[in-house]
């Protein structure tokens, strides 16, 4: 497996950064930047955000634990992996354990990091950490936040993968975690 790459493109340097708006989730900033070799300046909008997590959670009989919820951006329901926002100072693994329990009532004693992806490097500064939770067991009822309405679904892994491929599950970060999971399982069997 190849794991190193030498980036050769010149980095832009930030000359100034101004906060334009602060919300519950994001901070919108304007970065005034320069490409030094050309003395080229430009301003870019960036969303600063805490890191996020997604959990590929499997029961003992290889069912994928999914959450169905309404998403305000799309104004539609979605089917996703359990996920959420890292609290300040909280390690992504702890966030994953907390979110899986809160959203689904399931826990796992077997956690594997699948790595991280940049949530959207064109305009965001955060990462999404993906974890695999094995042999999950239901131990509690959901403990949802005030605005959360979540239905839990258990699907066979092949049906889950079909849903990702067909677009029934269309959340890009869920697709990224699915890809990380498939790469993990491929390398595990090599």
N, C-alpha and C. Protein backbone atom coordinates (compact mmCIF):
# COMPACT_ATOMS: atom_id res chain seq x y z
N UNK A 1 0.85 -1.18 0.00
CA UNK A 1 0.00 0.00 0.00
C UNK A 1 0.90 1.25 0.00
N UNK A 2 0.61 2.17 -0.90
CA UNK A 2 1.36 3.42 -0.97
C UNK A 2 0.72 4.43 -0.01
N UNK A 3 1.52 5.03 0.87
CA UNK A 3 0.96 5.95 1.86
C UNK A 3 1.61 7.32 1.86
N UNK A 4 2.61 7.52 1.01
CA UNK A 4 3.27 8.83 0.97
C UNK A 4 3.09 9.48 -0.39
N UNK A 5 2.93 10.80 -0.36
CA UNK A 5 2.83 11.58 -1.59
C UNK A 5 3.50 12.92 -1.32
N UNK A 6 4.30 13.39 -2.24
CA UNK A 6 4.96 14.69 -2.09
C UNK A 6 4.15 15.72 -2.86
N UNK A 7 3.56 16.66 -2.12
CA UNK A 7 2.82 17.74 -2.75
C UNK A 7 3.80 18.77 -3.28
N UNK A 8 3.56 19.27 -4.49
CA UNK A 8 4.50 20.18 -5.13
C UNK A 8 3.93 21.56 -5.40
N UNK A 9 2.62 21.72 -5.23
CA UNK A 9 2.01 23.01 -5.54
C UNK A 9 2.31 24.00 -4.41
N UNK A 10 2.48 25.25 -4.78
CA UNK A 10 2.78 26.30 -3.81
C UNK A 10 1.57 26.57 -2.91
N UNK A 11 1.83 26.74 -1.63
CA UNK A 11 0.78 27.08 -0.68
C UNK A 11 0.52 28.57 -0.67
N UNK A 12 -0.74 28.94 -0.49
CA UNK A 12 -1.11 30.33 -0.27
C UNK A 12 -0.83 30.67 1.19
N UNK A 13 -0.52 31.93 1.45
CA UNK A 13 -0.28 32.39 2.82
C UNK A 13 -1.36 33.37 3.23
N UNK A 14 -1.84 33.23 4.46
CA UNK A 14 -2.87 34.13 4.98
C UNK A 14 -2.23 35.41 5.47
N UNK A 15 -2.71 36.53 4.93
CA UNK A 15 -2.25 37.84 5.38
C UNK A 15 -3.14 38.39 6.49
N UNK A 16 -4.44 38.11 6.37
CA UNK A 16 -5.41 38.61 7.34
C UNK A 16 -6.64 37.70 7.33
N UNK A 17 -7.25 37.55 8.50
CA UNK A 17 -8.48 36.77 8.61
C UNK A 17 -9.47 37.55 9.46
N UNK A 18 -10.70 37.67 8.94
CA UNK A 18 -11.75 38.40 9.66
C UNK A 18 -12.97 37.51 9.84
N UNK A 19 -13.53 37.54 11.04
CA UNK A 19 -14.77 36.82 11.30
C UNK A 19 -15.93 37.64 10.76
N UNK A 20 -16.75 37.01 9.92
CA UNK A 20 -17.91 37.69 9.34
C UNK A 20 -19.21 37.33 10.07
N UNK A 21 -19.30 36.08 10.54
CA UNK A 21 -20.54 35.61 11.19
C UNK A 21 -20.21 34.40 12.06
N UNK A 22 -20.83 34.34 13.23
CA UNK A 22 -20.68 33.19 14.11
C UNK A 22 -22.06 32.57 14.31
N UNK A 23 -22.16 31.26 14.09
CA UNK A 23 -23.41 30.53 14.30
C UNK A 23 -23.16 29.43 15.32
N UNK A 24 -24.18 28.66 15.60
CA UNK A 24 -24.06 27.57 16.55
C UNK A 24 -23.05 26.51 16.08
N UNK A 25 -22.95 26.30 14.79
CA UNK A 25 -22.08 25.25 14.25
C UNK A 25 -20.83 25.81 13.57
N UNK A 26 -20.99 26.84 12.78
CA UNK A 26 -19.89 27.37 11.97
C UNK A 26 -19.50 28.77 12.39
N UNK A 27 -18.26 29.12 12.03
CA UNK A 27 -17.80 30.50 12.06
C UNK A 27 -17.38 30.83 10.63
N UNK A 28 -18.02 31.81 10.04
CA UNK A 28 -17.67 32.23 8.68
C UNK A 28 -16.58 33.29 8.76
N UNK A 29 -15.45 33.01 8.11
CA UNK A 29 -14.35 33.97 8.10
C UNK A 29 -13.99 34.30 6.66
N UNK A 30 -13.40 35.47 6.50
CA UNK A 30 -12.82 35.86 5.21
C UNK A 30 -11.32 35.85 5.38
N UNK A 31 -10.64 35.10 4.53
CA UNK A 31 -9.18 35.04 4.54
C UNK A 31 -8.64 35.80 3.35
N UNK A 32 -7.84 36.80 3.63
CA UNK A 32 -7.11 37.52 2.59
C UNK A 32 -5.76 36.81 2.46
N UNK A 33 -5.50 36.28 1.25
CA UNK A 33 -4.34 35.42 1.07
C UNK A 33 -3.50 35.89 -0.10
N UNK A 34 -2.24 35.43 -0.09
CA UNK A 34 -1.31 35.78 -1.16
C UNK A 34 -0.60 34.53 -1.65
N UNK A 35 -0.43 34.48 -2.97
CA UNK A 35 0.41 33.46 -3.59
C UNK A 35 1.74 34.16 -3.86
N UNK A 36 2.73 33.93 -3.01
CA UNK A 36 3.95 34.73 -2.94
C UNK A 36 4.73 34.79 -4.25
N UNK A 37 4.83 33.69 -4.96
CA UNK A 37 5.65 33.66 -6.18
C UNK A 37 5.10 34.59 -7.26
N UNK A 38 3.80 34.84 -7.22
CA UNK A 38 3.17 35.70 -8.23
C UNK A 38 2.72 37.04 -7.66
N UNK A 39 2.86 37.22 -6.36
CA UNK A 39 2.33 38.39 -5.66
C UNK A 39 0.84 38.56 -5.96
N UNK A 40 0.16 37.43 -6.11
CA UNK A 40 -1.27 37.42 -6.41
C UNK A 40 -2.05 37.31 -5.10
N UNK A 41 -3.00 38.26 -4.93
CA UNK A 41 -3.81 38.29 -3.72
C UNK A 41 -5.27 38.00 -4.06
N UNK A 42 -5.94 37.34 -3.10
CA UNK A 42 -7.37 37.06 -3.26
C UNK A 42 -7.97 36.84 -1.88
N UNK A 43 -9.29 36.99 -1.82
CA UNK A 43 -10.02 36.75 -0.56
C UNK A 43 -10.88 35.50 -0.73
N UNK A 44 -10.94 34.70 0.32
CA UNK A 44 -11.68 33.44 0.30
C UNK A 44 -12.57 33.34 1.52
N UNK A 45 -13.77 32.80 1.33
CA UNK A 45 -14.68 32.54 2.45
C UNK A 45 -14.41 31.14 2.97
N UNK A 46 -14.28 31.02 4.29
CA UNK A 46 -13.98 29.74 4.92
C UNK A 46 -14.94 29.53 6.08
N UNK A 47 -15.48 28.32 6.18
CA UNK A 47 -16.30 27.93 7.32
C UNK A 47 -15.41 27.17 8.30
N UNK A 48 -15.24 27.74 9.49
CA UNK A 48 -14.51 27.04 10.55
C UNK A 48 -15.54 26.22 11.32
N UNK A 49 -15.18 24.97 11.61
CA UNK A 49 -16.12 24.08 12.29
C UNK A 49 -15.35 23.09 13.14
N UNK A 50 -16.00 22.56 14.18
CA UNK A 50 -15.36 21.48 14.92
C UNK A 50 -15.31 20.22 14.06
N UNK A 51 -14.46 19.28 14.45
CA UNK A 51 -14.42 18.02 13.73
C UNK A 51 -15.71 17.25 13.95
N UNK A 52 -16.01 16.34 13.01
CA UNK A 52 -17.21 15.52 13.04
C UNK A 52 -16.80 14.06 13.06
N UNK A 53 -17.76 13.18 13.33
CA UNK A 53 -17.51 11.74 13.30
C UNK A 53 -18.64 11.02 12.57
N UNK A 54 -18.33 9.85 12.04
CA UNK A 54 -19.30 8.92 11.48
C UNK A 54 -18.93 7.53 11.95
N UNK A 55 -19.94 6.73 12.30
CA UNK A 55 -19.70 5.39 12.83
C UNK A 55 -20.32 4.34 11.93
N UNK A 56 -19.48 3.48 11.38
CA UNK A 56 -19.95 2.29 10.67
C UNK A 56 -20.15 1.24 11.75
N UNK A 57 -21.38 1.09 12.22
CA UNK A 57 -21.69 0.23 13.35
C UNK A 57 -22.35 -1.05 12.87
N UNK A 58 -21.79 -2.18 13.26
CA UNK A 58 -22.30 -3.49 12.86
C UNK A 58 -22.69 -4.31 14.08
N UNK A 59 -23.85 -4.95 14.00
CA UNK A 59 -24.28 -5.83 15.08
C UNK A 59 -23.53 -7.17 14.95
N UNK A 60 -23.73 -8.04 15.92
CA UNK A 60 -23.08 -9.36 15.89
C UNK A 60 -23.44 -10.16 14.65
N UNK A 61 -24.66 -9.96 14.13
CA UNK A 61 -25.07 -10.68 12.93
C UNK A 61 -24.89 -9.85 11.65
N UNK A 62 -23.95 -8.89 11.70
CA UNK A 62 -23.53 -8.11 10.53
C UNK A 62 -24.61 -7.23 9.93
N UNK A 63 -25.49 -6.71 10.78
CA UNK A 63 -26.46 -5.72 10.34
C UNK A 63 -25.84 -4.33 10.57
N UNK A 64 -26.03 -3.44 9.61
CA UNK A 64 -25.53 -2.06 9.74
C UNK A 64 -26.60 -1.25 10.48
N UNK A 65 -26.16 -0.50 11.50
CA UNK A 65 -27.07 0.35 12.27
C UNK A 65 -27.13 1.71 11.61
N UNK A 66 -28.33 2.09 11.16
CA UNK A 66 -28.52 3.35 10.44
C UNK A 66 -29.52 4.23 11.17
N UNK A 67 -29.42 5.52 10.90
CA UNK A 67 -30.36 6.49 11.46
C UNK A 67 -31.06 7.21 10.32
N UNK A 68 -32.37 7.28 10.43
CA UNK A 68 -33.19 8.06 9.49
C UNK A 68 -33.57 9.34 10.21
N UNK A 69 -33.28 10.47 9.58
CA UNK A 69 -33.63 11.75 10.19
C UNK A 69 -33.88 12.80 9.13
N UNK A 70 -34.57 13.84 9.53
CA UNK A 70 -34.86 14.95 8.62
C UNK A 70 -33.65 15.88 8.62
N UNK A 71 -33.21 16.27 7.43
CA UNK A 71 -32.07 17.18 7.30
C UNK A 71 -32.56 18.52 6.78
N UNK A 72 -32.27 19.55 7.54
CA UNK A 72 -32.78 20.89 7.27
C UNK A 72 -32.18 21.51 6.02
N UNK A 73 -30.92 21.19 5.70
CA UNK A 73 -30.31 21.74 4.49
C UNK A 73 -31.00 21.28 3.23
N UNK A 74 -31.23 19.97 3.13
CA UNK A 74 -31.92 19.40 1.97
C UNK A 74 -33.43 19.51 2.07
N UNK A 75 -33.92 19.76 3.28
CA UNK A 75 -35.36 19.77 3.56
C UNK A 75 -35.99 18.45 3.15
N UNK A 76 -35.32 17.36 3.60
CA UNK A 76 -35.78 16.01 3.27
C UNK A 76 -35.21 15.03 4.29
N UNK A 77 -35.85 13.88 4.43
CA UNK A 77 -35.27 12.85 5.29
C UNK A 77 -34.09 12.17 4.61
N UNK A 78 -33.16 11.69 5.43
CA UNK A 78 -31.99 10.97 4.92
C UNK A 78 -31.80 9.70 5.74
N UNK A 79 -31.06 8.78 5.18
CA UNK A 79 -30.65 7.56 5.86
C UNK A 79 -29.14 7.61 5.96
N UNK A 80 -28.62 7.53 7.18
CA UNK A 80 -27.19 7.78 7.41
C UNK A 80 -26.64 6.84 8.47
N UNK A 81 -25.32 6.87 8.60
CA UNK A 81 -24.65 6.26 9.75
C UNK A 81 -24.80 7.21 10.92
N UNK A 82 -24.70 6.69 12.13
CA UNK A 82 -24.69 7.56 13.31
C UNK A 82 -23.49 8.50 13.20
N UNK A 83 -23.69 9.73 13.59
CA UNK A 83 -22.61 10.71 13.48
C UNK A 83 -22.90 11.93 14.32
N UNK A 84 -21.93 12.83 14.35
CA UNK A 84 -22.15 14.05 15.11
C UNK A 84 -20.91 14.91 15.20
N UNK A 85 -21.01 15.91 16.06
CA UNK A 85 -19.98 16.94 16.23
C UNK A 85 -19.17 16.65 17.48
N UNK A 86 -17.85 16.76 17.36
CA UNK A 86 -16.97 16.61 18.52
C UNK A 86 -17.13 17.82 19.44
N UNK A 87 -17.40 17.56 20.71
CA UNK A 87 -17.45 18.64 21.69
C UNK A 87 -16.04 19.15 21.92
N UNK A 88 -15.88 20.41 22.38
CA UNK A 88 -14.54 20.94 22.65
C UNK A 88 -13.76 20.03 23.60
N UNK A 89 -12.54 19.67 23.19
CA UNK A 89 -11.68 18.84 24.01
C UNK A 89 -12.01 17.35 23.98
N UNK A 90 -13.04 16.96 23.24
CA UNK A 90 -13.45 15.56 23.18
C UNK A 90 -12.73 14.86 22.04
N UNK A 91 -12.14 13.71 22.32
CA UNK A 91 -11.47 12.92 21.28
C UNK A 91 -12.53 12.33 20.35
N UNK A 92 -12.25 12.24 19.05
CA UNK A 92 -13.25 11.71 18.11
C UNK A 92 -13.78 10.32 18.48
N UNK A 93 -12.96 9.46 19.07
CA UNK A 93 -13.46 8.14 19.47
C UNK A 93 -14.51 8.28 20.57
N UNK A 94 -14.27 9.17 21.51
CA UNK A 94 -15.27 9.40 22.57
C UNK A 94 -16.56 9.97 22.00
N UNK A 95 -16.43 10.87 21.04
CA UNK A 95 -17.61 11.41 20.37
C UNK A 95 -18.38 10.28 19.69
N UNK A 96 -17.66 9.37 19.04
CA UNK A 96 -18.29 8.26 18.33
C UNK A 96 -19.07 7.37 19.29
N UNK A 97 -18.47 7.05 20.41
CA UNK A 97 -19.16 6.21 21.41
C UNK A 97 -20.40 6.92 21.94
N UNK A 98 -20.27 8.21 22.22
CA UNK A 98 -21.39 9.00 22.76
C UNK A 98 -22.52 9.09 21.73
N UNK A 99 -22.19 9.43 20.50
CA UNK A 99 -23.21 9.61 19.47
C UNK A 99 -23.92 8.29 19.13
N UNK A 100 -23.17 7.19 19.05
CA UNK A 100 -23.80 5.91 18.76
C UNK A 100 -24.82 5.57 19.85
N UNK A 101 -24.44 5.75 21.10
CA UNK A 101 -25.35 5.45 22.20
C UNK A 101 -26.55 6.39 22.20
N UNK A 102 -26.30 7.70 22.06
CA UNK A 102 -27.40 8.68 22.10
C UNK A 102 -28.39 8.48 20.95
N UNK A 103 -27.87 8.29 19.74
CA UNK A 103 -28.74 8.23 18.56
C UNK A 103 -29.41 6.88 18.38
N UNK A 104 -28.77 5.80 18.85
CA UNK A 104 -29.30 4.47 18.54
C UNK A 104 -29.57 3.59 19.76
N UNK A 105 -28.95 3.90 20.89
CA UNK A 105 -29.05 3.03 22.06
C UNK A 105 -28.08 1.86 22.03
N UNK A 106 -27.22 1.79 21.02
CA UNK A 106 -26.25 0.71 20.88
C UNK A 106 -24.88 1.12 21.42
N UNK A 107 -24.12 0.12 21.88
CA UNK A 107 -22.72 0.31 22.27
C UNK A 107 -21.88 -0.77 21.63
N UNK A 108 -20.57 -0.56 21.65
CA UNK A 108 -19.61 -1.56 21.17
C UNK A 108 -18.39 -1.51 22.09
N UNK A 109 -17.76 -2.65 22.24
CA UNK A 109 -16.49 -2.74 22.97
C UNK A 109 -15.32 -2.87 22.00
N UNK A 110 -15.63 -2.94 20.70
CA UNK A 110 -14.61 -3.15 19.67
C UNK A 110 -14.65 -1.99 18.67
N UNK A 111 -13.69 -1.08 18.79
CA UNK A 111 -13.65 0.11 17.94
C UNK A 111 -12.36 0.11 17.12
N UNK A 112 -12.51 0.46 15.85
CA UNK A 112 -11.37 0.55 14.94
C UNK A 112 -11.44 1.88 14.21
N UNK A 113 -10.35 2.63 14.25
CA UNK A 113 -10.30 3.88 13.50
C UNK A 113 -10.13 3.57 12.02
N UNK A 114 -10.98 4.16 11.18
CA UNK A 114 -10.87 4.00 9.74
C UNK A 114 -10.18 5.20 9.10
N UNK A 115 -9.78 6.18 9.92
CA UNK A 115 -9.09 7.35 9.41
C UNK A 115 -10.01 8.56 9.35
N UNK A 116 -9.55 9.58 8.67
CA UNK A 116 -10.32 10.81 8.57
C UNK A 116 -10.31 11.31 7.14
N UNK A 117 -11.30 12.15 6.83
CA UNK A 117 -11.36 12.83 5.54
C UNK A 117 -11.62 14.31 5.81
N UNK A 118 -11.15 15.14 4.91
CA UNK A 118 -11.47 16.56 4.98
C UNK A 118 -12.93 16.72 4.62
N UNK A 119 -13.71 17.36 5.48
CA UNK A 119 -15.15 17.45 5.27
C UNK A 119 -15.51 18.14 3.96
N UNK A 120 -14.83 19.21 3.61
CA UNK A 120 -14.98 19.89 2.33
C UNK A 120 -13.84 20.91 2.24
N UNK A 121 -12.67 20.51 1.74
CA UNK A 121 -11.49 21.37 1.80
C UNK A 121 -11.58 22.66 1.01
N UNK A 122 -12.53 22.77 0.10
CA UNK A 122 -12.66 24.00 -0.66
C UNK A 122 -13.10 25.17 0.21
N UNK A 123 -13.88 24.84 1.28
CA UNK A 123 -14.41 25.95 2.08
C UNK A 123 -14.51 25.67 3.57
N UNK A 124 -14.13 24.49 4.02
CA UNK A 124 -14.21 24.16 5.44
C UNK A 124 -12.84 23.75 5.97
N UNK A 125 -12.63 23.97 7.28
CA UNK A 125 -11.33 23.66 7.86
C UNK A 125 -11.35 22.42 8.76
N UNK A 126 -12.45 21.67 8.77
CA UNK A 126 -12.56 20.55 9.70
C UNK A 126 -12.41 19.19 9.01
N UNK A 127 -12.32 18.16 9.85
CA UNK A 127 -12.21 16.79 9.38
C UNK A 127 -13.38 15.97 9.91
N UNK A 128 -13.69 14.90 9.20
CA UNK A 128 -14.65 13.90 9.67
C UNK A 128 -13.87 12.62 9.93
N UNK A 129 -13.96 12.13 11.16
CA UNK A 129 -13.27 10.92 11.58
C UNK A 129 -14.24 9.75 11.46
N UNK A 130 -13.78 8.67 10.86
CA UNK A 130 -14.61 7.49 10.65
C UNK A 130 -14.15 6.36 11.55
N UNK A 131 -15.13 5.71 12.18
CA UNK A 131 -14.83 4.58 13.06
C UNK A 131 -15.72 3.40 12.70
N UNK A 132 -15.16 2.22 12.92
CA UNK A 132 -15.89 0.97 12.78
C UNK A 132 -16.16 0.44 14.18
N UNK A 133 -17.42 0.18 14.47
CA UNK A 133 -17.82 -0.40 15.75
C UNK A 133 -18.37 -1.79 15.48
N UNK A 134 -17.75 -2.80 16.07
CA UNK A 134 -18.12 -4.19 15.81
C UNK A 134 -18.92 -4.79 16.96
N UNK A 135 -19.74 -5.79 16.64
CA UNK A 135 -20.51 -6.54 17.64
C UNK A 135 -21.32 -5.62 18.55
N UNK A 136 -22.00 -4.67 17.94
CA UNK A 136 -22.79 -3.70 18.71
C UNK A 136 -23.99 -4.38 19.36
N UNK A 137 -24.32 -3.91 20.55
CA UNK A 137 -25.47 -4.42 21.30
C UNK A 137 -26.33 -3.25 21.75
N UNK A 138 -27.64 -3.46 21.69
CA UNK A 138 -28.57 -2.43 22.18
C UNK A 138 -28.65 -2.55 23.70
N UNK A 139 -28.38 -1.43 24.38
CA UNK A 139 -28.36 -1.43 25.85
C UNK A 139 -29.25 -0.35 26.45
N UNK A 140 -29.76 0.55 25.61
CA UNK A 140 -30.53 1.68 26.14
C UNK A 140 -31.47 2.20 25.07
N UNK A 141 -32.36 3.07 25.50
CA UNK A 141 -33.21 3.81 24.57
C UNK A 141 -32.41 5.02 24.08
N UNK A 142 -32.87 5.61 22.99
CA UNK A 142 -32.22 6.81 22.46
C UNK A 142 -32.27 7.94 23.48
N UNK A 143 -31.27 8.81 23.40
CA UNK A 143 -31.23 10.02 24.22
C UNK A 143 -30.95 11.17 23.25
N UNK A 144 -32.04 11.67 22.63
CA UNK A 144 -31.91 12.62 21.53
C UNK A 144 -31.88 14.06 22.02
N UNK A 145 -31.19 14.90 21.22
CA UNK A 145 -31.21 16.34 21.47
C UNK A 145 -32.60 16.89 21.17
N UNK A 146 -32.87 18.09 21.60
CA UNK A 146 -34.20 18.68 21.46
C UNK A 146 -34.76 18.72 20.06
N UNK A 147 -33.93 18.90 19.04
CA UNK A 147 -34.40 18.99 17.67
C UNK A 147 -34.25 17.68 16.89
N UNK A 148 -33.70 16.66 17.51
CA UNK A 148 -33.49 15.39 16.81
C UNK A 148 -34.75 14.52 16.86
N UNK A 149 -35.09 13.97 15.72
CA UNK A 149 -36.13 12.96 15.59
C UNK A 149 -35.50 11.86 14.74
N UNK A 150 -35.14 10.75 15.35
CA UNK A 150 -34.37 9.71 14.65
C UNK A 150 -35.06 8.37 14.76
N UNK A 151 -35.19 7.71 13.60
CA UNK A 151 -35.64 6.33 13.53
C UNK A 151 -34.42 5.46 13.25
N UNK A 152 -34.24 4.40 14.02
CA UNK A 152 -33.12 3.49 13.84
C UNK A 152 -33.54 2.34 12.92
N UNK A 153 -32.66 2.00 11.98
CA UNK A 153 -32.90 0.90 11.06
C UNK A 153 -31.68 -0.02 11.06
N UNK A 154 -31.91 -1.31 11.00
CA UNK A 154 -30.84 -2.30 10.85
C UNK A 154 -30.98 -2.93 9.48
N UNK A 155 -29.90 -2.85 8.69
CA UNK A 155 -29.93 -3.39 7.33
C UNK A 155 -28.77 -4.37 7.13
N UNK A 156 -28.99 -5.42 6.36
CA UNK A 156 -27.88 -6.29 5.98
C UNK A 156 -26.82 -5.46 5.23
N UNK A 157 -25.57 -5.82 5.41
CA UNK A 157 -24.47 -5.04 4.83
C UNK A 157 -24.63 -4.89 3.32
N UNK A 158 -25.04 -5.93 2.61
CA UNK A 158 -25.17 -5.83 1.15
C UNK A 158 -26.27 -4.85 0.75
N UNK A 159 -27.36 -4.81 1.48
CA UNK A 159 -28.43 -3.84 1.19
C UNK A 159 -27.94 -2.43 1.46
N UNK A 160 -27.20 -2.25 2.55
CA UNK A 160 -26.61 -0.95 2.85
C UNK A 160 -25.71 -0.49 1.71
N UNK A 161 -24.83 -1.37 1.25
CA UNK A 161 -23.92 -1.02 0.15
C UNK A 161 -24.69 -0.71 -1.13
N UNK A 162 -25.75 -1.47 -1.40
CA UNK A 162 -26.61 -1.17 -2.56
C UNK A 162 -27.22 0.22 -2.43
N UNK A 163 -27.66 0.58 -1.22
CA UNK A 163 -28.26 1.90 -1.01
C UNK A 163 -27.25 3.02 -1.21
N UNK A 164 -26.01 2.80 -0.81
CA UNK A 164 -24.97 3.81 -1.04
C UNK A 164 -24.70 3.93 -2.53
N UNK A 165 -24.57 2.79 -3.21
CA UNK A 165 -24.28 2.82 -4.64
C UNK A 165 -25.42 3.45 -5.45
N UNK A 166 -26.67 3.15 -5.09
CA UNK A 166 -27.81 3.65 -5.86
C UNK A 166 -28.17 5.09 -5.54
N UNK A 167 -27.70 5.60 -4.41
CA UNK A 167 -28.02 6.98 -4.03
C UNK A 167 -29.18 7.08 -3.05
N UNK A 168 -29.77 5.96 -2.63
CA UNK A 168 -30.76 6.03 -1.55
C UNK A 168 -30.10 6.68 -0.33
N UNK A 169 -28.86 6.27 -0.07
CA UNK A 169 -28.01 6.92 0.94
C UNK A 169 -27.06 7.81 0.16
N UNK A 170 -27.24 9.15 0.30
CA UNK A 170 -26.48 10.06 -0.55
C UNK A 170 -25.63 11.08 0.22
N UNK A 171 -25.48 10.88 1.51
CA UNK A 171 -24.66 11.77 2.33
C UNK A 171 -23.19 11.51 1.99
N UNK A 172 -22.48 12.52 1.53
CA UNK A 172 -21.10 12.33 1.05
C UNK A 172 -20.17 11.81 2.13
N UNK A 173 -20.36 12.22 3.37
CA UNK A 173 -19.48 11.76 4.44
C UNK A 173 -19.79 10.32 4.84
N UNK A 174 -21.02 9.90 4.66
CA UNK A 174 -21.37 8.49 4.86
C UNK A 174 -20.71 7.66 3.74
N UNK A 175 -20.75 8.17 2.53
CA UNK A 175 -20.09 7.48 1.41
C UNK A 175 -18.59 7.38 1.66
N UNK A 176 -18.00 8.42 2.22
CA UNK A 176 -16.57 8.40 2.53
C UNK A 176 -16.26 7.36 3.59
N UNK A 177 -17.08 7.29 4.64
CA UNK A 177 -16.87 6.29 5.68
C UNK A 177 -17.07 4.89 5.12
N UNK A 178 -18.02 4.73 4.22
CA UNK A 178 -18.25 3.44 3.58
C UNK A 178 -17.02 3.03 2.77
N UNK A 179 -16.45 3.96 2.04
CA UNK A 179 -15.23 3.67 1.27
C UNK A 179 -14.09 3.28 2.20
N UNK A 180 -13.94 4.00 3.30
CA UNK A 180 -12.90 3.67 4.28
C UNK A 180 -13.12 2.26 4.84
N UNK A 181 -14.38 1.92 5.12
CA UNK A 181 -14.71 0.58 5.62
C UNK A 181 -14.35 -0.48 4.59
N UNK A 182 -14.73 -0.27 3.33
CA UNK A 182 -14.44 -1.25 2.29
C UNK A 182 -12.93 -1.42 2.08
N UNK A 183 -12.19 -0.32 2.15
CA UNK A 183 -10.73 -0.41 2.03
C UNK A 183 -10.14 -1.18 3.22
N UNK A 184 -10.67 -0.93 4.40
CA UNK A 184 -10.21 -1.65 5.59
C UNK A 184 -10.46 -3.15 5.44
N UNK A 185 -11.66 -3.53 5.01
CA UNK A 185 -11.98 -4.94 4.89
C UNK A 185 -11.16 -5.59 3.77
N UNK A 186 -10.87 -4.85 2.70
CA UNK A 186 -10.06 -5.39 1.61
C UNK A 186 -8.63 -5.67 2.10
N UNK A 187 -8.05 -4.69 2.83
CA UNK A 187 -6.68 -4.87 3.31
C UNK A 187 -6.59 -5.90 4.41
N UNK A 188 -7.66 -6.05 5.17
CA UNK A 188 -7.68 -7.03 6.25
C UNK A 188 -7.63 -8.45 5.68
N UNK A 189 -8.19 -8.62 4.47
CA UNK A 189 -8.26 -9.94 3.87
C UNK A 189 -7.11 -10.22 2.90
N UNK A 190 -6.20 -9.27 2.72
CA UNK A 190 -5.06 -9.50 1.80
C UNK A 190 -4.01 -10.38 2.43
